[in-house]
Amino acid sequence: MIGVAKVDRTNLRQFLRFDQLQNEELVAFLRTKIHIFEQPADVVPWAEKEPHDRLIVYRDQAGKIRRITPGKLTTEETLHNLRALIKSELMQAGAEKVAWTTAFSPVPVLNSFSCDTFGFRPMREGAPQPDQLVAEHPFLLGVKYRSCGSAAINFLRAFKSTTRLSRILSVLLQRRIWVQTRTLPHHWMYVRDAEGSPAIRWLQRGYSPFGAEETDDFEVCSAYAPVFAMKQNWFFSYPPRGVGTDISLVVPESLGEIVERFWTLPPDRLCKAELAMGWLSMFDEVWSASESSGYIALISSIECLLDVKGKTCNECGQPVESATQKFASFLAKWCDSDEGALIAPLKKYYSRRSDLAHGQELYGKDSEPWLRPDLSADKEREEAEHLYHFVNRGFLRWLLAAMFDEESETTGMQH
C-alpha cells in the first residue's frame, strides 16, 4: 500500500512495543481495539492457516504474551494504526487521578484517612448501610493511579491498585478489608416486598458505587473527622489492641508510610508477600463454603513465605528440613510464644493440611453436611481458629520485620 511502510510481521513484538507495556494492559487494550484470538503459547491454531483479519495472541500458562501473529488479511495500515493507538493511549502518561471504589470492612468506617497515595472515607449520606453491627460495612477506598487515554485500561489500573491495597490493609489493620470482585454471582435471596411480606428473589450479589466518582486528590476526605490513629508499638502489640474496638475502624500512626515501605520491598519479598496475601484473601472467601479449602488456603499463605530450596546436607545433598519442619519453624519463630512448645502443634496443622490437599480427608462439615454440628466439628473449628491466629500473627510479624529494622522500636515488634 502506497505511503505505508512495510511491517515485519515476524516481529510484531518489537513493532507494537509490547515489551514496554504491562502484559495485562496490552491484552485488555487489544480486546477493545481489534478482534483477536487468544491461544496457549504451545498451540498452533487453525486460524494461522485460514484467511482472516484478526491478531493471534499466544499466552503461556502464567498469562504472559509470548508472541503475536497477524492474520493473512490484516493490512499494513491496520497494524500502523494499532501502533499509533498504543503510543497515544497507553504509552503517553496522563494526569494522576484518584479512583474511589466501594470496599467493605467487618466494622463500620465512620471517619476518614488520607496520605499521598491512598485514602478512605465513609459512604455518601443516603447510601445503603447494614442495620446490625456484625455485617459487611461499605466504605469508599481511594487510590492514586496514572491515567491514560483508554477508559478500559484506566479501570484495570484502578482495580488492580485497589485490590492490592485492600490486601495489605487487611494484614496491617488485622481486619479483613476487601473490594468487590469483577464477577458477581446470583443467589436465591430472602427479601421483603413493598408491603413488607417475605419473598424469594433471584438476585445478583453486589453494591453500587454510590458516589465513587474519580477525583484529582484526597481533599474530599477533609469533610469527615479523621480516623483514630494509635501509636504503632501499641497497635501492633500482643494481644492485638489495634482490634480492641468493634465500633469503628482504627489505624496505626504513619499508616501511609508503612504502606509505602511495603511497595518498596525487594522484588522477591514483595512477590512472596503478595502471594501470601492472595491466599489469605481466598481463605475469607471460601471458608463458609468449604472449611477444608479454607484450611488449605491458610497453610498455603505461609508456604509462600518459605525458602523453596532450603538447607541441604553437605554430605549427601538432601534437604535438612522437611516441608513440615520448615512450616512449623517459620511460624514458631514469628509468633509470640515459646518456640519449642509450638513446633509439635504446628506440625500437626501441616499434616492435616497434607491429608486435606491430597484427598485423604475432608472436614466434617464438607464430608457430611447433613449432620448437625457435634463435638468433632467444634474441635475442627477450634483448631482452624488457632491456625488462623498463628498464620495472621506470624505473617504480620514477618512483614513488619521485612519493612523495618527487626529491632526497631517504631514497630513495637522486637523479636
Protein backbone atom coordinates (compact mmCIF):
# COMPACT_ATOMS: atom_id res chain seq x y z
CA MET A 1 0.00 0.00 0.00
CA ILE A 2 1.42 3.37 -1.09
CA GLY A 3 2.52 5.63 1.77
CA VAL A 4 2.50 2.91 4.42
CA ALA A 5 5.81 1.37 5.49
CA LYS A 6 6.04 -2.39 5.32
CA VAL A 7 5.77 -4.14 8.69
CA ASP A 8 7.99 -7.03 9.70
CA ARG A 9 5.21 -9.47 10.53
CA THR A 10 7.61 -11.91 12.15
CA ASN A 11 8.48 -9.37 14.85
CA LEU A 12 5.24 -7.68 15.91
CA ARG A 13 6.52 -7.82 19.49
CA GLN A 14 9.00 -5.06 18.73
CA PHE A 15 6.80 -3.20 16.24
CA LEU A 16 3.91 -2.88 18.71
CA ARG A 17 6.39 -2.04 21.51
CA PHE A 18 4.73 -4.51 23.80
CA ASP A 19 7.98 -5.13 25.72
CA GLN A 20 7.49 -1.61 27.11
CA LEU A 21 3.95 -2.28 28.35
CA GLN A 22 2.22 -4.11 31.17
CA ASN A 23 1.17 -7.51 29.85
CA GLU A 24 -2.42 -7.42 31.11
CA GLU A 25 -2.87 -3.85 29.86
CA LEU A 26 -1.83 -4.75 26.33
CA VAL A 27 -4.20 -7.74 26.21
CA ALA A 28 -7.11 -5.64 27.52
CA PHE A 29 -6.31 -2.90 25.03
CA LEU A 30 -6.18 -5.30 22.08
CA ARG A 31 -9.54 -6.78 23.09
CA THR A 32 -11.17 -3.36 22.87
CA LYS A 33 -9.48 -2.16 19.67
CA ILE A 34 -9.23 -5.20 17.39
CA HIS A 35 -10.58 -8.73 17.13
CA ILE A 36 -8.06 -11.22 18.50
CA PHE A 37 -7.68 -14.96 19.01
CA GLU A 38 -6.09 -15.92 22.33
CA GLN A 39 -4.19 -19.21 22.28
CA PRO A 40 -1.79 -21.17 24.53
CA ALA A 41 1.83 -20.49 23.60
CA ASP A 42 2.49 -24.11 22.58
CA VAL A 43 -0.54 -24.42 20.26
CA VAL A 44 -0.68 -23.56 16.57
CA PRO A 45 -4.37 -22.80 15.91
CA TRP A 46 -6.27 -23.36 12.71
CA ALA A 47 -6.52 -19.59 12.47
CA GLU A 48 -2.93 -19.34 11.25
CA LYS A 49 -3.88 -21.30 8.14
CA GLU A 50 -7.15 -19.51 7.40
CA PRO A 51 -7.58 -16.04 5.85
CA HIS A 52 -8.83 -13.58 8.48
CA ASP A 53 -8.03 -10.10 9.78
CA ARG A 54 -7.55 -10.90 13.47
CA LEU A 55 -4.39 -10.95 15.55
CA ILE A 56 -3.46 -14.26 17.19
CA VAL A 57 -2.12 -13.69 20.71
CA TYR A 58 -0.16 -16.58 22.20
CA ARG A 59 -0.01 -16.67 26.01
CA ASP A 60 1.84 -19.01 28.36
CA GLN A 61 0.41 -20.70 31.46
CA ALA A 62 1.12 -17.59 33.53
CA GLY A 63 -0.87 -15.47 31.07
CA LYS A 64 2.21 -13.72 29.64
CA ILE A 65 2.20 -12.89 25.94
CA ARG A 66 4.87 -14.88 24.09
CA ARG A 67 4.18 -13.80 20.52
CA ILE A 68 1.61 -12.10 18.30
CA THR A 69 0.84 -13.26 14.77
CA PRO A 70 -1.24 -11.19 12.32
CA GLY A 71 -3.97 -12.78 10.22
CA LYS A 72 -3.41 -13.10 6.49
CA LEU A 73 -5.97 -10.37 5.80
CA THR A 74 -4.56 -7.93 8.39
CA THR A 75 -3.40 -4.91 6.41
CA GLU A 76 -0.26 -2.84 6.91
CA GLU A 77 -2.48 0.18 7.56
CA THR A 78 -4.29 -1.66 10.37
CA LEU A 79 -1.01 -2.52 12.09
CA HIS A 80 0.31 1.04 11.79
CA ASN A 81 -2.95 2.44 13.18
CA LEU A 82 -2.79 -0.01 16.08
CA ARG A 83 0.80 1.02 16.82
CA ALA A 84 -0.24 4.69 16.85
CA LEU A 85 -3.14 3.93 19.22
CA ILE A 86 -0.85 2.03 21.60
CA LYS A 87 1.50 5.01 21.67
CA SER A 88 -1.19 7.65 22.16
CA GLU A 89 -3.47 5.79 24.60
CA LEU A 90 -1.11 3.55 26.58
CA MET A 91 2.42 4.91 26.42
CA GLN A 92 1.71 8.62 26.87
CA ALA A 93 1.05 9.10 30.58
CA GLY A 94 -1.99 11.14 31.55
CA ALA A 95 -2.80 13.00 34.73
CA GLU A 96 -2.76 11.41 38.16
CA LYS A 97 -6.27 10.57 39.32
CA VAL A 98 -7.83 9.13 42.47
CA ALA A 99 -10.19 6.22 41.80
CA TRP A 100 -12.77 5.57 44.52
CA THR A 101 -14.07 2.02 44.88
CA THR A 102 -16.65 0.53 47.22
CA ALA A 103 -14.83 -1.59 49.79
CA PHE A 104 -16.01 -3.48 52.86
CA SER A 105 -14.93 -3.87 56.47
CA PRO A 106 -16.22 -6.10 59.31
CA VAL A 107 -16.57 -2.94 61.44
CA PRO A 108 -18.10 0.43 60.47
CA VAL A 109 -15.89 3.06 58.82
CA LEU A 110 -17.12 6.29 60.38
CA ASN A 111 -14.11 8.53 59.77
CA SER A 112 -11.60 9.27 57.03
CA PHE A 113 -7.91 8.79 56.34
CA SER A 114 -5.66 10.07 53.57
CA CYS A 115 -1.99 10.22 52.65
CA ASP A 116 -0.14 10.92 49.41
CA THR A 117 -1.19 7.75 47.60
CA PHE A 118 -4.42 6.40 49.13
CA GLY A 119 -7.28 7.19 51.47
CA PHE A 120 -10.66 6.06 52.68
CA ARG A 121 -13.89 7.71 53.81
CA PRO A 122 -17.45 6.81 54.79
CA MET A 123 -20.10 6.22 52.14
CA ARG A 124 -22.04 9.23 50.97
CA GLU A 125 -25.13 10.08 53.01
CA GLY A 126 -28.09 8.01 51.88
CA ALA A 127 -26.05 5.04 50.70
CA PRO A 128 -27.35 1.62 51.87
CA GLN A 129 -25.95 0.51 55.23
CA PRO A 130 -26.45 -2.67 57.28
CA ASP A 131 -28.84 -2.39 60.21
CA GLN A 132 -26.65 -4.51 62.51
CA LEU A 133 -23.09 -4.29 63.81
CA VAL A 134 -21.83 -7.70 62.65
CA ALA A 135 -22.04 -7.20 58.89
CA GLU A 136 -20.16 -6.19 55.75
CA HIS A 137 -19.86 -2.42 56.22
CA PRO A 138 -19.33 -0.45 52.98
CA PHE A 139 -16.96 2.48 52.65
CA LEU A 140 -15.02 4.21 49.87
CA LEU A 141 -11.39 3.26 49.30
CA GLY A 142 -9.40 5.62 47.10
CA VAL A 143 -6.09 5.02 45.38
CA LYS A 144 -3.99 7.29 43.20
CA TYR A 145 -3.04 5.99 39.75
CA ARG A 146 -1.66 7.31 36.46
CA SER A 147 -4.46 7.62 33.91
CA CYS A 148 -4.19 7.15 30.15
CA GLY A 149 -6.39 7.66 27.10
CA SER A 150 -8.18 4.32 27.40
CA ALA A 151 -11.15 4.01 29.79
CA ALA A 152 -10.73 0.21 29.86
CA ILE A 153 -7.10 0.49 30.90
CA ASN A 154 -7.89 3.14 33.50
CA PHE A 155 -10.42 0.77 35.05
CA LEU A 156 -7.87 -2.05 35.01
CA ARG A 157 -5.18 0.09 36.65
CA ALA A 158 -7.55 1.37 39.34
CA PHE A 159 -9.00 -2.07 40.08
CA LYS A 160 -5.53 -3.64 40.30
CA SER A 161 -4.22 -0.93 42.62
CA THR A 162 -7.29 -1.02 44.87
CA THR A 163 -7.26 -4.81 45.19
CA ARG A 164 -3.56 -4.88 46.08
CA LEU A 165 -4.08 -2.08 48.60
CA SER A 166 -7.05 -3.82 50.26
CA ARG A 167 -4.95 -6.94 50.81
CA ILE A 168 -2.06 -5.14 52.50
CA LEU A 169 -4.52 -3.17 54.66
CA SER A 170 -6.15 -6.44 55.75
CA VAL A 171 -2.83 -7.65 57.14
CA LEU A 172 -1.75 -4.36 58.71
CA LEU A 173 -5.13 -3.45 60.23
CA GLN A 174 -5.77 -7.04 61.34
CA ARG A 175 -9.22 -6.72 59.80
CA ARG A 176 -10.44 -8.17 56.55
CA ILE A 177 -10.69 -5.31 54.03
CA TRP A 178 -11.95 -6.31 50.60
CA VAL A 179 -13.39 -4.95 47.37
CA GLN A 180 -15.97 -6.47 45.06
CA THR A 181 -14.68 -8.98 42.54
CA ARG A 182 -15.27 -8.44 38.84
CA THR A 183 -17.61 -11.44 38.71
CA LEU A 184 -20.71 -11.05 40.86
CA PRO A 185 -22.77 -14.26 41.16
CA HIS A 186 -26.53 -14.58 41.51
CA HIS A 187 -28.21 -16.22 44.53
CA TRP A 188 -31.71 -17.02 45.71
CA MET A 189 -32.37 -14.43 48.41
CA TYR A 190 -34.97 -13.94 51.15
CA VAL A 191 -36.25 -10.36 50.88
CA ARG A 192 -39.34 -8.35 51.76
CA ASP A 193 -41.55 -6.85 49.11
CA ALA A 194 -43.02 -3.33 49.13
CA GLU A 195 -45.72 -4.38 51.60
CA GLY A 196 -43.17 -5.92 53.95
CA SER A 197 -44.14 -9.52 53.24
CA PRO A 198 -41.42 -12.19 52.91
CA ALA A 199 -40.45 -13.02 49.31
CA ILE A 200 -37.83 -15.00 47.44
CA ARG A 201 -35.91 -13.41 44.56
CA TRP A 202 -33.11 -14.48 42.21
CA LEU A 203 -30.72 -11.57 42.80
CA GLN A 204 -27.16 -10.63 41.96
CA ARG A 205 -24.64 -10.00 44.69
CA GLY A 206 -23.16 -6.53 44.53
CA TYR A 207 -23.11 -2.93 45.72
CA SER A 208 -23.47 0.21 43.63
CA PRO A 209 -20.55 2.69 43.85
CA PHE A 210 -22.73 5.46 45.40
CA GLY A 211 -20.54 8.50 44.96
CA ALA A 212 -17.34 6.76 43.89
CA GLU A 213 -16.55 9.15 41.06
CA GLU A 214 -12.89 9.95 40.38
CA THR A 215 -11.24 12.98 41.97
CA ASP A 216 -7.96 14.80 41.42
CA ASP A 217 -6.84 14.40 45.04
CA PHE A 218 -7.97 13.30 48.51
CA GLU A 219 -9.47 16.66 49.51
CA VAL A 220 -12.92 15.02 49.84
CA CYS A 221 -11.64 13.21 52.96
CA SER A 222 -11.38 16.52 54.80
CA ALA A 223 -15.18 16.66 55.02
CA TYR A 224 -15.05 13.89 57.65
CA ALA A 225 -13.38 13.64 61.03
CA PRO A 226 -10.01 11.84 60.82
CA VAL A 227 -9.82 8.22 61.87
CA PHE A 228 -8.36 7.45 65.30
CA ALA A 229 -4.68 6.56 64.93
CA MET A 230 -2.87 4.55 67.62
CA LYS A 231 0.85 4.59 68.27
CA GLN A 232 2.48 1.80 66.31
CA ASN A 233 4.03 0.00 69.27
CA TRP A 234 0.56 -0.09 70.87
CA PHE A 235 -1.36 -1.03 67.73
CA PHE A 236 0.95 -3.91 66.80
CA SER A 237 1.46 -5.16 70.33
CA TYR A 238 0.26 -8.53 71.56
CA PRO A 239 -2.55 -9.20 72.33
CA PRO A 240 -3.54 -7.01 69.33
CA ARG A 241 -5.01 -3.92 70.94
CA GLY A 242 -5.45 -2.39 67.50
CA VAL A 243 -8.55 -4.50 67.02
CA GLY A 244 -9.92 -3.97 70.51
CA THR A 245 -12.95 -2.00 69.34
CA ASP A 246 -15.85 -3.16 67.20
CA ILE A 247 -17.38 0.30 66.97
CA SER A 248 -15.21 1.79 64.22
CA LEU A 249 -12.08 1.09 62.21
CA VAL A 250 -8.83 2.37 63.73
CA VAL A 251 -5.35 2.56 62.20
CA PRO A 252 -1.74 2.74 63.34
CA GLU A 253 0.11 6.04 63.18
CA SER A 254 2.07 6.55 59.97
CA LEU A 255 -0.11 4.06 58.09
CA GLY A 256 0.73 5.79 54.83
CA GLU A 257 4.47 5.45 55.46
CA ILE A 258 4.10 1.77 56.37
CA VAL A 259 2.24 1.00 53.14
CA GLU A 260 4.82 2.92 51.12
CA ARG A 261 7.56 0.81 52.70
CA PHE A 262 5.67 -2.28 51.59
CA TRP A 263 5.73 -1.24 47.92
CA THR A 264 9.50 -0.68 48.12
CA LEU A 265 10.30 -4.18 49.41
CA PRO A 266 12.85 -6.11 47.32
CA PRO A 267 11.06 -7.76 44.36
CA ASP A 268 11.45 -11.30 45.72
CA ARG A 269 9.98 -10.40 49.12
CA LEU A 270 7.22 -8.29 47.59
CA CYS A 271 6.21 -11.19 45.35
CA LYS A 272 6.16 -13.62 48.28
CA ALA A 273 4.13 -11.24 50.42
CA GLU A 274 1.52 -10.59 47.73
CA LEU A 275 1.14 -14.31 47.02
CA ALA A 276 0.59 -14.92 50.73
CA MET A 277 -1.97 -12.11 50.89
CA GLY A 278 -3.79 -13.60 47.93
CA TRP A 279 -4.12 -16.94 49.73
CA LEU A 280 -5.30 -15.22 52.90
CA SER A 281 -7.98 -13.38 50.95
CA MET A 282 -9.06 -16.72 49.47
CA PHE A 283 -9.49 -18.14 52.97
CA ASP A 284 -12.06 -15.49 53.78
CA GLU A 285 -13.88 -16.18 50.51
CA VAL A 286 -14.06 -19.98 50.68
CA TRP A 287 -14.31 -20.81 54.40
CA SER A 288 -18.08 -20.53 54.59
CA ALA A 289 -18.48 -22.77 51.52
CA SER A 290 -15.71 -25.28 52.30
CA GLU A 291 -13.82 -25.37 55.59
CA SER A 292 -11.38 -27.90 54.10
CA SER A 293 -10.44 -25.48 51.31
CA GLY A 294 -10.15 -22.61 53.80
CA TYR A 295 -7.78 -24.64 55.93
CA ILE A 296 -5.57 -25.37 52.89
CA ALA A 297 -5.55 -21.67 51.96
CA LEU A 298 -4.26 -20.72 55.44
CA ILE A 299 -1.33 -23.13 55.24
CA SER A 300 -0.56 -22.13 51.65
CA SER A 301 -0.30 -18.46 52.63
CA ILE A 302 2.66 -19.29 54.88
CA GLU A 303 4.19 -21.68 52.35
CA CYS A 304 4.53 -18.66 50.03
CA LEU A 305 6.99 -17.13 52.50
CA LEU A 306 9.20 -20.18 52.99
CA ASP A 307 12.57 -20.72 51.34
CA VAL A 308 11.86 -23.05 48.44
CA LYS A 309 15.36 -24.51 48.27
CA GLY A 310 16.05 -24.78 51.98
CA LYS A 311 19.20 -26.07 53.61
CA THR A 312 20.82 -29.22 52.28
CA CYS A 313 23.22 -31.72 53.79
CA ASN A 314 26.87 -31.13 52.85
CA GLU A 315 27.45 -34.87 52.63
CA CYS A 316 24.50 -36.22 50.63
CA GLY A 317 22.88 -33.05 49.26
CA GLN A 318 19.44 -34.00 50.63
CA PRO A 319 17.18 -31.39 52.32
CA VAL A 320 17.92 -30.96 56.02
CA GLU A 321 14.38 -29.79 56.81
CA SER A 322 11.15 -31.29 55.56
CA ALA A 323 8.32 -29.05 54.37
CA THR A 324 6.53 -29.74 57.65
CA GLN A 325 9.58 -28.70 59.68
CA LYS A 326 10.09 -25.52 57.66
CA PHE A 327 6.44 -24.50 58.13
CA ALA A 328 6.50 -25.18 61.86
CA SER A 329 9.86 -23.46 62.40
CA PHE A 330 8.77 -20.36 60.48
CA LEU A 331 5.56 -19.78 62.44
CA ALA A 332 7.16 -20.71 65.76
CA LYS A 333 9.85 -18.09 65.13
CA TRP A 334 7.43 -15.29 64.30
CA CYS A 335 4.70 -15.91 66.87
CA ASP A 336 4.73 -14.53 70.40
CA SER A 337 5.05 -17.87 72.16
CA ASP A 338 7.62 -20.34 73.36
CA GLU A 339 9.16 -21.57 70.12
CA GLY A 340 9.79 -25.09 71.33
CA ALA A 341 6.25 -25.56 72.62
CA LEU A 342 4.73 -24.54 69.28
CA ILE A 343 6.61 -26.92 66.98
CA ALA A 344 4.52 -30.03 67.73
CA PRO A 345 1.04 -28.47 67.23
CA LEU A 346 2.21 -26.60 64.12
CA LYS A 347 3.48 -29.85 62.61
CA LYS A 348 0.08 -31.36 63.34
CA TYR A 349 -1.64 -28.50 61.49
CA TYR A 350 0.59 -29.03 58.45
CA SER A 351 -0.02 -32.77 58.48
CA ARG A 352 -3.76 -32.11 58.50
CA ARG A 353 -3.37 -29.81 55.53
CA SER A 354 -1.48 -32.52 53.60
CA ASP A 355 -4.30 -35.00 54.19
CA LEU A 356 -6.88 -32.46 53.03
CA ALA A 357 -4.94 -31.32 49.95
CA HIS A 358 -4.08 -34.85 48.79
CA GLY A 359 -7.58 -36.23 49.06
CA GLN A 360 -7.11 -38.29 52.22
CA GLU A 361 -9.57 -36.37 54.39
CA LEU A 362 -12.34 -33.78 54.50
CA TYR A 363 -13.58 -31.56 57.28
CA GLY A 364 -16.74 -32.98 58.81
CA LYS A 365 -18.91 -30.12 57.56
CA ASP A 366 -17.73 -30.81 54.00
CA SER A 367 -17.96 -34.61 54.08
CA GLU A 368 -21.24 -34.91 55.99
CA PRO A 369 -23.07 -31.57 55.68
CA TRP A 370 -26.40 -33.20 56.52
CA LEU A 371 -25.30 -33.82 60.12
CA ARG A 372 -25.78 -31.28 62.87
CA PRO A 373 -22.55 -29.87 64.33
CA ASP A 374 -21.16 -32.15 67.01
CA LEU A 375 -18.13 -32.15 69.28
CA SER A 376 -15.79 -33.23 66.49
CA ALA A 377 -16.95 -30.30 64.34
CA ASP A 378 -16.42 -27.91 67.25
CA LYS A 379 -12.92 -29.31 67.70
CA GLU A 380 -12.14 -28.85 63.99
CA ARG A 381 -13.37 -25.27 64.10
CA GLU A 382 -11.32 -24.54 67.21
CA GLU A 383 -8.24 -26.00 65.53
CA ALA A 384 -8.81 -23.80 62.47
CA GLU A 385 -9.23 -20.73 64.69
CA HIS A 386 -5.90 -21.44 66.38
CA LEU A 387 -4.24 -21.89 63.00
CA TYR A 388 -5.80 -18.65 61.73
CA HIS A 389 -4.37 -16.81 64.75
CA PHE A 390 -0.87 -18.23 64.22
CA VAL A 391 -0.88 -17.54 60.48
CA ASN A 392 -2.05 -13.95 60.78
CA ARG A 393 0.26 -13.17 63.67
CA GLY A 394 3.28 -14.83 62.10
CA PHE A 395 2.71 -13.20 58.72
CA LEU A 396 2.26 -9.74 60.24
CA ARG A 397 5.45 -10.02 62.28
CA TRP A 398 7.41 -11.32 59.28
CA LEU A 399 6.10 -8.45 57.14
CA LEU A 400 6.93 -5.73 59.68
CA ALA A 401 10.43 -7.15 60.10
CA ALA A 402 10.85 -7.14 56.31
CA MET A 403 9.79 -3.47 56.10
CA PHE A 404 11.57 -2.17 59.20
CA ASP A 405 14.75 -2.97 61.04
CA GLU A 406 13.84 -6.04 63.10
CA GLU A 407 14.87 -4.40 66.36
CA SER A 408 13.24 -1.02 65.60
CA GLU A 409 11.04 0.27 68.39
CA THR A 410 8.84 2.05 65.86
CA THR A 411 7.06 -1.20 65.10
CA GLY A 412 6.78 -2.41 68.66
CA MET A 413 7.66 -5.84 67.31
CA GLN A 414 11.03 -6.63 68.84
CA HIS A 415 11.88 -10.24 68.26
